[in-house]
Structures are given as C-alpha cells and as structure tokens.
Amino acid sequence: MLTVLPLTGLYGLAKVAVHRLGWEPWAFDPLTGSLFGAATFVIAFVLNGTLSDFKASADMPVQVANAIEAIQDSSLLVAKANGEYDPIPLTRNLVAIVQAILDWLEQEKPQDAIAPNLDQLNVSLAGMLPYTSGPIISRMQAEQAKIRLLLAYIGINRDTDFIGPAYVLLELFLVGVLCALLLIGSASFSETLVVSCLLFTAFTYLLLLIRDLDNPFQYDGRSSVDADLSILAALRDRLQKSLAS
C-alpha cells in the first residue's frame, strides 16, 4: 500500500491538471461502466486463481519441515530401542539440510547446494540399517523423496512466471480504466476526484498484489506477501538444541 499511495498522489495531480485544462470530454455512461466491469472481472478472476496457487505454495515449507521431523522422530525411536545406535550424525545431517534450504530461499544461494546434504542422508540411513527393521528405513526414504519433490515444486514456483501473459491483459485494462477516469467529467469535480483516486488505488494495488502472490518465494524485501519460513527456522533451532543437550 505504501508503494501505491505516492502513485495515487501523482494520479490526483494529473486529474486536477486535466480538469483545469478542460480535457474532460467524456461523461459516465453504460459503455464506460462496461469497461470498469470488465476490468473488475478480469482482476477478480486472475486474483482468485493466484490466491489458490499461493495457498498451495505457502504450505510447502510446512510439508518440508514435517517430513524432516518425521525422519528425526524415526531416528530417535531407533535410538531408544537400541542403545548402540547414535542418532547425532543423522541429526547433524538434517540441520545441514534445513540450513541449505533456508540459504537457498532467503539468500538466493544455488539450489544445487541442497542435493549433497540430501544425498548424505543415504549414508546416515545406511548406518542405521543394522539397528532397525526395513519398514522404518523405507518410511524415512519416503520422507526423503517427499522433500526432494517439494523442493522441486518450490524451485518451479520460484523461477517460473505462471501468469505472465495475463499481466498484459491486466495492464491493458488498467491503462484503459485509468485513462477513462482521467477523461470523465461531472458536475461535481471533488466527487470525481475522490472516486477516481480510490479506483486508481484499488486497481493498482490489486495488480501489484497479484504479482507478489504469483511468486511467494521471493524474499527480496520488495514483496508484500511471501511464504512463511519461520517453521523451518524453528525446526533448525530445535535440532541444533538437541545436538547441544
């Protein structure tokens, strides 16, 4: 919203200038109303789809954390059942995996840096084989595969612009609506100015919101909505605390 307000101020000044120059040849009519209705429909349609995709993407870090915790729980279960098994190497491996994921998403380090840590998990699982049964190892491998799949999905969402072509249509309607608002006059200029600025703010904010929702894994300080990574950071801290205890 703070990004939009200065633009709204400039738009208001432009509206005042157009009014004083007498460049308001239009009046609000059914055709203009159809333009506003079409713009509203297109924005609402794209926003609805983008929100659905955002909800699915925002849940991915939670699923990654859940899979890592499931592996840790299985490791601790084996350690409780067999005192000869040491769970610390696997826990360290999981800490490295979580940290690599956070570095990738928050600091834009290469995604490939995560793969060696995930591969090292195979070594930790192999060291567990003499102390547990096959089904437990199979379950942990399933969680490992789930992590790989989720990270692949996150990478696709992060690097792919899914609704790029739709932006052209959205921006076309936005330009049309804003030009119409500038050129529409009425008996009460103050009312026209307020309504025009409110509509400008709403349409511009929604367009910027759609762009932010389209990529929930930016973490560059410019996006207003990003998927929450606090659950991964909290998991890393808990694992590190268990190593220290």
C-alpha atoms as a PDB file:
ATOM      1  CA  MET A   1       0.000   0.000   0.000  1.00  0.00           C
ATOM      2  CA  LEU A   2       2.871   2.414   0.740  1.00  0.00           C
ATOM      3  CA  THR A   3       4.075   1.876  -2.827  1.00  0.00           C
ATOM      4  CA  VAL A   4       0.670   2.748  -4.264  1.00  0.00           C
ATOM      5  CA  LEU A   5      -0.064   5.923  -2.265  1.00  0.00           C
ATOM      6  CA  PRO A   6       2.618   8.104  -3.949  1.00  0.00           C
ATOM      7  CA  LEU A   7       1.301   6.950  -7.325  1.00  0.00           C
ATOM      8  CA  THR A   8      -2.211   7.881  -6.194  1.00  0.00           C
ATOM      9  CA  GLY A   9      -0.963  11.369  -5.337  1.00  0.00           C
ATOM     10  CA  LEU A  10       0.552  11.772  -8.810  1.00  0.00           C
ATOM     11  CA  TYR A  11      -2.632  10.497 -10.396  1.00  0.00           C
ATOM     12  CA  GLY A  12      -4.677  13.000  -8.384  1.00  0.00           C
ATOM     13  CA  LEU A  13      -2.450  15.836  -9.599  1.00  0.00           C
ATOM     14  CA  ALA A  14      -2.853  14.618 -13.180  1.00  0.00           C
ATOM     15  CA  LYS A  15      -6.641  14.566 -12.735  1.00  0.00           C
ATOM     16  CA  VAL A  16      -6.598  18.150 -11.426  1.00  0.00           C
ATOM     17  CA  ALA A  17      -4.438  19.260 -14.369  1.00  0.00           C
ATOM     18  CA  VAL A  18      -6.742  17.589 -16.897  1.00  0.00           C
ATOM     19  CA  HIS A  19      -9.770  19.236 -15.273  1.00  0.00           C
ATOM     20  CA  ARG A  20      -8.244  22.720 -15.322  1.00  0.00           C
ATOM     21  CA  LEU A  21      -7.217  22.322 -18.952  1.00  0.00           C
ATOM     22  CA  GLY A  22     -10.768  21.323 -19.822  1.00  0.00           C
ATOM     23  CA  TRP A  23      -9.759  17.931 -21.200  1.00  0.00           C
ATOM     24  CA  GLU A  24     -12.738  16.014 -19.834  1.00  0.00           C
ATOM     25  CA  PRO A  25     -14.871  15.272 -22.913  1.00  0.00           C
ATOM     26  CA  TRP A  26     -16.483  12.107 -21.507  1.00  0.00           C
ATOM     27  CA  ALA A  27     -19.373  11.513 -19.173  1.00  0.00           C
ATOM     28  CA  PHE A  28     -20.076   8.314 -17.302  1.00  0.00           C
ATOM     29  CA  ASP A  29     -22.308   6.126 -19.491  1.00  0.00           C
ATOM     30  CA  PRO A  30     -23.137   2.406 -19.884  1.00  0.00           C
ATOM     31  CA  LEU A  31     -20.122   1.884 -22.165  1.00  0.00           C
ATOM     32  CA  THR A  32     -17.741   3.258 -19.539  1.00  0.00           C
ATOM     33  CA  GLY A  33     -19.461   1.156 -16.904  1.00  0.00           C
ATOM     34  CA  SER A  34     -18.877  -1.916 -19.072  1.00  0.00           C
ATOM     35  CA  LEU A  35     -15.161  -1.101 -19.187  1.00  0.00           C
ATOM     36  CA  PHE A  36     -14.978  -0.865 -15.398  1.00  0.00           C
ATOM     37  CA  GLY A  37     -16.986  -4.071 -15.032  1.00  0.00           C
ATOM     38  CA  ALA A  38     -14.741  -5.977 -17.450  1.00  0.00           C
ATOM     39  CA  ALA A  39     -11.590  -4.759 -15.687  1.00  0.00           C
ATOM     40  CA  THR A  40     -13.009  -5.760 -12.312  1.00  0.00           C
ATOM     41  CA  PHE A  41     -13.975  -9.215 -13.599  1.00  0.00           C
ATOM     42  CA  VAL A  42     -10.552  -9.918 -15.119  1.00  0.00           C
ATOM     43  CA  ILE A  43      -8.715  -8.801 -11.976  1.00  0.00           C
ATOM     44  CA  ALA A  44     -11.021 -10.849  -9.725  1.00  0.00           C
ATOM     45  CA  PHE A  45     -10.660 -13.919 -11.955  1.00  0.00           C
ATOM     46  CA  VAL A  46      -6.856 -13.807 -12.011  1.00  0.00           C
ATOM     47  CA  LEU A  47      -6.658 -12.955  -8.300  1.00  0.00           C
ATOM     48  CA  ASN A  48      -8.821 -15.949  -7.382  1.00  0.00           C
ATOM     49  CA  GLY A  49      -6.576 -18.364  -9.282  1.00  0.00           C
ATOM     50  CA  THR A  50      -3.417 -16.772  -7.927  1.00  0.00           C
ATOM     51  CA  LEU A  51      -4.690 -16.991  -4.347  1.00  0.00           C
ATOM     52  CA  SER A  52      -5.368 -20.713  -4.759  1.00  0.00           C
ATOM     53  CA  ASP A  53      -1.847 -21.296  -6.068  1.00  0.00           C
ATOM     54  CA  PHE A  54      -0.379 -19.168  -3.276  1.00  0.00           C
ATOM     55  CA  LYS A  55      -2.131 -21.203  -0.585  1.00  0.00           C
ATOM     56  CA  ALA A  56      -0.737 -24.425  -2.058  1.00  0.00           C
ATOM     57  CA  SER A  57       2.763 -22.956  -2.330  1.00  0.00           C
ATOM     58  CA  ALA A  58       2.715 -21.444   1.163  1.00  0.00           C
ATOM     59  CA  ASP A  59       2.004 -24.906   2.578  1.00  0.00           C
ATOM     60  CA  MET A  60       5.129 -26.435   1.017  1.00  0.00           C
ATOM     61  CA  PRO A  61       7.640 -25.243   3.672  1.00  0.00           C
ATOM     62  CA  VAL A  62       5.340 -26.731   6.320  1.00  0.00           C
ATOM     63  CA  GLN A  63       5.342 -30.072   4.499  1.00  0.00           C
ATOM     64  CA  VAL A  64       9.133 -29.993   4.153  1.00  0.00           C
ATOM     65  CA  ALA A  65       9.502 -29.336   7.885  1.00  0.00           C
ATOM     66  CA  ASN A  66       7.024 -32.121   8.656  1.00  0.00           C
ATOM     67  CA  ALA A  67       8.986 -34.610   6.544  1.00  0.00           C
ATOM     68  CA  ILE A  68      12.280 -33.673   8.221  1.00  0.00           C
ATOM     69  CA  GLU A  69      10.717 -34.003  11.668  1.00  0.00           C
ATOM     70  CA  ALA A  70       9.339 -37.422  10.711  1.00  0.00           C
ATOM     71  CA  ILE A  71      12.863 -38.575   9.825  1.00  0.00           C
ATOM     72  CA  GLN A  72      14.208 -37.206  13.110  1.00  0.00           C
ATOM     73  CA  ASP A  73      11.418 -38.904  15.090  1.00  0.00           C
ATOM     74  CA  SER A  74      12.178 -42.244  13.451  1.00  0.00           C
ATOM     75  CA  SER A  75      15.867 -41.834  14.236  1.00  0.00           C
ATOM     76  CA  LEU A  76      15.133 -41.089  17.900  1.00  0.00           C
ATOM     77  CA  LEU A  77      12.787 -44.081  18.024  1.00  0.00           C
ATOM     78  CA  VAL A  78      15.578 -46.371  16.836  1.00  0.00           C
ATOM     79  CA  ALA A  79      17.965 -44.806  19.372  1.00  0.00           C
ATOM     80  CA  LYS A  80      15.513 -45.521  22.182  1.00  0.00           C
ATOM     81  CA  ALA A  81      15.037 -49.114  21.057  1.00  0.00           C
ATOM     82  CA  ASN A  82      18.743 -49.795  20.539  1.00  0.00           C
ATOM     83  CA  GLY A  83      21.273 -48.065  22.770  1.00  0.00           C
ATOM     84  CA  GLU A  84      24.143 -48.807  20.371  1.00  0.00           C
ATOM     85  CA  TYR A  85      22.706 -46.553  17.673  1.00  0.00           C
ATOM     86  CA  ASP A  86      23.922 -42.934  17.712  1.00  0.00           C
ATOM     87  CA  PRO A  87      21.338 -40.501  16.226  1.00  0.00           C
ATOM     88  CA  ILE A  88      23.658 -37.481  16.308  1.00  0.00           C
ATOM     89  CA  PRO A  89      25.160 -37.870  12.783  1.00  0.00           C
ATOM     90  CA  LEU A  90      21.708 -38.020  11.220  1.00  0.00           C
ATOM     91  CA  THR A  91      20.540 -35.016  13.253  1.00  0.00           C
ATOM     92  CA  ARG A  92      23.554 -33.028  12.059  1.00  0.00           C
ATOM     93  CA  ASN A  93      22.682 -34.063   8.522  1.00  0.00           C
ATOM     94  CA  LEU A  94      19.117 -32.791   8.973  1.00  0.00           C
ATOM     95  CA  VAL A  95      20.384 -29.471  10.359  1.00  0.00           C
ATOM     96  CA  ALA A  96      22.562 -29.089   7.263  1.00  0.00           C
ATOM     97  CA  ILE A  97      19.574 -29.824   5.015  1.00  0.00           C
ATOM     98  CA  VAL A  98      17.344 -27.244   6.711  1.00  0.00           C
ATOM     99  CA  GLN A  99      20.104 -24.624   6.688  1.00  0.00           C
ATOM    100  CA  ALA A 100      20.787 -25.238   2.990  1.00  0.00           C
ATOM    101  CA  ILE A 101      17.082 -24.791   2.219  1.00  0.00           C
ATOM    102  CA  LEU A 102      16.943 -21.515   4.155  1.00  0.00           C
ATOM    103  CA  ASP A 103      20.123 -20.259   2.474  1.00  0.00           C
ATOM    104  CA  TRP A 104      18.646 -21.078  -0.928  1.00  0.00           C
ATOM    105  CA  LEU A 105      15.340 -19.314  -0.314  1.00  0.00           C
ATOM    106  CA  GLU A 106      16.434 -16.350   1.803  1.00  0.00           C
ATOM    107  CA  GLN A 107      19.936 -15.656   0.465  1.00  0.00           C
ATOM    108  CA  GLU A 108      19.477 -16.893  -3.126  1.00  0.00           C
ATOM    109  CA  LYS A 109      22.265 -19.442  -2.863  1.00  0.00           C
ATOM    110  CA  PRO A 110      22.237 -22.200  -5.528  1.00  0.00           C
ATOM    111  CA  GLN A 111      19.544 -24.837  -5.169  1.00  0.00           C
ATOM    112  CA  ASP A 112      22.124 -27.452  -6.140  1.00  0.00           C
ATOM    113  CA  ALA A 113      23.807 -26.941  -2.754  1.00  0.00           C
ATOM    114  CA  ILE A 114      20.913 -28.804  -1.112  1.00  0.00           C
ATOM    115  CA  ALA A 115      21.417 -32.018  -3.093  1.00  0.00           C
ATOM    116  CA  PRO A 116      24.699 -33.142  -1.422  1.00  0.00           C
ATOM    117  CA  ASN A 117      23.081 -32.851   2.003  1.00  0.00           C
ATOM    118  CA  LEU A 118      20.094 -34.894   0.875  1.00  0.00           C
ATOM    119  CA  ASP A 119      22.434 -37.473  -0.649  1.00  0.00           C
ATOM    120  CA  GLN A 120      24.386 -37.636   2.618  1.00  0.00           C
ATOM    121  CA  LEU A 121      21.138 -38.697   4.265  1.00  0.00           C
ATOM    122  CA  ASN A 122      21.504 -42.028   2.432  1.00  0.00           C
ATOM    123  CA  VAL A 123      24.784 -42.615   4.270  1.00  0.00           C
ATOM    124  CA  SER A 124      23.097 -41.895   7.603  1.00  0.00           C
ATOM    125  CA  LEU A 125      20.248 -44.274   6.786  1.00  0.00           C
ATOM    126  CA  ALA A 126      22.702 -46.979   5.744  1.00  0.00           C
ATOM    127  CA  GLY A 127      24.414 -46.638   9.126  1.00  0.00           C
ATOM    128  CA  MET A 128      21.050 -47.201  10.783  1.00  0.00           C
ATOM    129  CA  LEU A 129      20.316 -50.478   8.961  1.00  0.00           C
ATOM    130  CA  PRO A 130      21.987 -52.825  11.494  1.00  0.00           C
ATOM    131  CA  TYR A 131      19.902 -51.371  14.317  1.00  0.00           C
ATOM    132  CA  THR A 132      16.382 -51.324  12.899  1.00  0.00           C
ATOM    133  CA  SER A 133      13.942 -53.007  10.548  1.00  0.00           C
ATOM    134  CA  GLY A 134      13.374 -52.371   6.863  1.00  0.00           C
ATOM    135  CA  PRO A 135       9.942 -50.701   7.190  1.00  0.00           C
ATOM    136  CA  ILE A 136      11.349 -47.860   9.311  1.00  0.00           C
ATOM    137  CA  ILE A 137      14.114 -47.218   6.792  1.00  0.00           C
ATOM    138  CA  SER A 138      11.560 -47.337   3.966  1.00  0.00           C
ATOM    139  CA  ARG A 139       9.418 -44.763   5.720  1.00  0.00           C
ATOM    140  CA  MET A 140      12.387 -42.443   6.155  1.00  0.00           C
ATOM    141  CA  GLN A 141      13.322 -42.857   2.487  1.00  0.00           C
ATOM    142  CA  ALA A 142       9.740 -41.968   1.551  1.00  0.00           C
ATOM    143  CA  GLU A 143      10.050 -38.757   3.554  1.00  0.00           C
ATOM    144  CA  GLN A 144      13.382 -38.067   1.859  1.00  0.00           C
ATOM    145  CA  ALA A 145      11.742 -38.468  -1.560  1.00  0.00           C
ATOM    146  CA  LYS A 146       8.918 -36.174  -0.440  1.00  0.00           C
ATOM    147  CA  ILE A 147      11.451 -33.487   0.477  1.00  0.00           C
ATOM    148  CA  ARG A 148      13.079 -33.737  -2.960  1.00  0.00           C
ATOM    149  CA  LEU A 149       9.689 -33.426  -4.673  1.00  0.00           C
ATOM    150  CA  LEU A 150       8.591 -30.436  -2.598  1.00  0.00           C
ATOM    151  CA  LEU A 151      11.877 -28.623  -3.197  1.00  0.00           C
ATOM    152  CA  ALA A 152      11.465 -29.217  -6.931  1.00  0.00           C
ATOM    153  CA  TYR A 153       7.971 -27.694  -6.786  1.00  0.00           C
ATOM    154  CA  ILE A 154       9.253 -24.710  -4.801  1.00  0.00           C
ATOM    155  CA  GLY A 155      12.013 -24.191  -7.367  1.00  0.00           C
ATOM    156  CA  ILE A 156       9.494 -24.249 -10.219  1.00  0.00           C
ATOM    157  CA  ASN A 157       7.210 -21.775  -8.446  1.00  0.00           C
ATOM    158  CA  ARG A 158      10.161 -19.530  -7.650  1.00  0.00           C
ATOM    159  CA  ASP A 159      11.655 -19.453 -11.144  1.00  0.00           C
ATOM    160  CA  THR A 160       8.559 -19.648 -13.367  1.00  0.00           C
ATOM    161  CA  ASP A 161       6.174 -16.813 -14.183  1.00  0.00           C
ATOM    162  CA  PHE A 162       2.903 -18.734 -14.468  1.00  0.00           C
ATOM    163  CA  ILE A 163       0.571 -15.872 -15.368  1.00  0.00           C
ATOM    164  CA  GLY A 164       2.930 -13.663 -17.361  1.00  0.00           C
ATOM    165  CA  PRO A 165       0.595 -13.471 -20.398  1.00  0.00           C
ATOM    166  CA  ALA A 166      -2.276 -12.485 -18.109  1.00  0.00           C
ATOM    167  CA  TYR A 167      -0.295  -9.441 -16.952  1.00  0.00           C
ATOM    168  CA  VAL A 168      -0.563  -7.988 -20.457  1.00  0.00           C
ATOM    169  CA  LEU A 169      -4.357  -8.197 -20.326  1.00  0.00           C
ATOM    170  CA  LEU A 170      -4.476  -6.847 -16.776  1.00  0.00           C
ATOM    171  CA  GLU A 171      -2.235  -3.904 -17.606  1.00  0.00           C
ATOM    172  CA  LEU A 172      -4.216  -3.187 -20.778  1.00  0.00           C
ATOM    173  CA  PHE A 173      -7.454  -2.965 -18.813  1.00  0.00           C
ATOM    174  CA  LEU A 174      -5.744  -0.917 -16.101  1.00  0.00           C
ATOM    175  CA  VAL A 175      -4.453   1.637 -18.609  1.00  0.00           C
ATOM    176  CA  GLY A 176      -7.885   1.822 -20.243  1.00  0.00           C
ATOM    177  CA  VAL A 177      -9.655   2.349 -16.927  1.00  0.00           C
ATOM    178  CA  LEU A 178      -7.179   4.988 -15.743  1.00  0.00           C
ATOM    179  CA  CYS A 179      -7.405   6.916 -19.000  1.00  0.00           C
ATOM    180  CA  ALA A 180     -11.187   6.780 -18.802  1.00  0.00           C
ATOM    181  CA  LEU A 181     -11.103   8.077 -15.233  1.00  0.00           C
ATOM    182  CA  LEU A 182      -8.897  10.979 -16.302  1.00  0.00           C
ATOM    183  CA  LEU A 183     -11.189  11.971 -19.173  1.00  0.00           C
ATOM    184  CA  ILE A 184     -14.534  11.575 -17.392  1.00  0.00           C
ATOM    185  CA  GLY A 185     -16.009  14.786 -16.050  1.00  0.00           C
ATOM    186  CA  SER A 186     -19.040  15.536 -13.912  1.00  0.00           C
ATOM    187  CA  ALA A 187     -20.875  18.433 -12.317  1.00  0.00           C
ATOM    188  CA  SER A 188     -19.032  17.901  -9.023  1.00  0.00           C
ATOM    189  CA  PHE A 189     -15.285  17.735  -9.624  1.00  0.00           C
ATOM    190  CA  SER A 190     -14.458  16.968  -5.986  1.00  0.00           C
ATOM    191  CA  GLU A 191     -16.553  13.795  -6.094  1.00  0.00           C
ATOM    192  CA  THR A 192     -14.994  12.763  -9.394  1.00  0.00           C
ATOM    193  CA  LEU A 193     -11.500  13.338  -7.994  1.00  0.00           C
ATOM    194  CA  VAL A 194     -12.128  11.248  -4.866  1.00  0.00           C
ATOM    195  CA  VAL A 195     -13.761   8.381  -6.764  1.00  0.00           C
ATOM    196  CA  SER A 196     -11.033   8.395  -9.438  1.00  0.00           C
ATOM    197  CA  CYS A 197      -8.240   8.271  -6.842  1.00  0.00           C
ATOM    198  CA  LEU A 198      -9.963   5.488  -4.904  1.00  0.00           C
ATOM    199  CA  LEU A 199     -10.432   3.383  -8.038  1.00  0.00           C
ATOM    200  CA  PHE A 200      -6.834   4.055  -9.105  1.00  0.00           C
ATOM    201  CA  THR A 201      -5.573   2.920  -5.706  1.00  0.00           C
ATOM    202  CA  ALA A 202      -7.713  -0.221  -5.727  1.00  0.00           C
ATOM    203  CA  PHE A 203      -6.839  -1.345  -9.258  1.00  0.00           C
ATOM    204  CA  THR A 204      -3.115  -0.604  -8.908  1.00  0.00           C
ATOM    205  CA  TYR A 205      -2.854  -2.299  -5.510  1.00  0.00           C
ATOM    206  CA  LEU A 206      -4.625  -5.428  -6.782  1.00  0.00           C
ATOM    207  CA  LEU A 207      -2.304  -5.645  -9.791  1.00  0.00           C
ATOM    208  CA  LEU A 208       0.786  -5.398  -7.557  1.00  0.00           C
ATOM    209  CA  LEU A 209      -0.736  -7.924  -5.147  1.00  0.00           C
ATOM    210  CA  ILE A 210      -1.280 -10.427  -7.963  1.00  0.00           C
ATOM    211  CA  ARG A 211       2.367 -10.046  -8.998  1.00  0.00           C
ATOM    212  CA  ASP A 212       3.504 -10.726  -5.424  1.00  0.00           C
ATOM    213  CA  LEU A 213       1.201 -13.725  -4.992  1.00  0.00           C
ATOM    214  CA  ASP A 214       2.422 -15.219  -8.261  1.00  0.00           C
ATOM    215  CA  ASN A 215       5.853 -15.805  -6.671  1.00  0.00           C
ATOM    216  CA  PRO A 216       5.557 -16.497  -2.923  1.00  0.00           C
ATOM    217  CA  PHE A 217       9.269 -17.356  -2.604  1.00  0.00           C
ATOM    218  CA  GLN A 218      10.946 -14.028  -3.429  1.00  0.00           C
ATOM    219  CA  TYR A 219      12.287 -12.855  -0.025  1.00  0.00           C
ATOM    220  CA  ASP A 220      13.899  -9.820  -1.646  1.00  0.00           C
ATOM    221  CA  GLY A 221      12.274  -7.226   0.601  1.00  0.00           C
ATOM    222  CA  ARG A 222      10.071  -5.884  -2.199  1.00  0.00           C
ATOM    223  CA  SER A 223       7.240  -8.410  -1.988  1.00  0.00           C
ATOM    224  CA  SER A 224       4.355  -7.799   0.415  1.00  0.00           C
ATOM    225  CA  VAL A 225       3.458 -11.492   0.697  1.00  0.00           C
ATOM    226  CA  ASP A 226       5.954 -14.355   0.972  1.00  0.00           C
ATOM    227  CA  ALA A 227       5.559 -17.922   2.168  1.00  0.00           C
ATOM    228  CA  ASP A 228       6.424 -18.145   5.859  1.00  0.00           C
ATOM    229  CA  LEU A 229       9.743 -19.878   6.540  1.00  0.00           C
ATOM    230  CA  SER A 230       9.616 -19.473  10.310  1.00  0.00           C
ATOM    231  CA  ILE A 231       8.662 -23.129  10.767  1.00  0.00           C
ATOM    232  CA  LEU A 232      11.893 -24.199   9.031  1.00  0.00           C
ATOM    233  CA  ALA A 233      13.970 -21.772  11.096  1.00  0.00           C
ATOM    234  CA  ALA A 234      12.311 -23.028  14.292  1.00  0.00           C
ATOM    235  CA  LEU A 235      12.968 -26.637  13.268  1.00  0.00           C
ATOM    236  CA  ARG A 236      16.646 -25.878  12.645  1.00  0.00           C
ATOM    237  CA  ASP A 237      16.926 -24.277  16.078  1.00  0.00           C
ATOM    238  CA  ARG A 238      15.278 -27.266  17.771  1.00  0.00           C
ATOM    239  CA  LEU A 239      17.572 -29.722  16.028  1.00  0.00           C
ATOM    240  CA  GLN A 240      20.635 -27.673  16.964  1.00  0.00           C
ATOM    241  CA  LYS A 241      19.417 -27.504  20.552  1.00  0.00           C
ATOM    242  CA  SER A 242      19.050 -31.290  20.652  1.00  0.00           C
ATOM    243  CA  LEU A 243      22.665 -31.617  19.496  1.00  0.00           C
ATOM    244  CA  ALA A 244      23.840 -29.316  22.270  1.00  0.00           C
ATOM    245  CA  SER A 245      21.949 -31.163  25.003  1.00  0.00           C
END
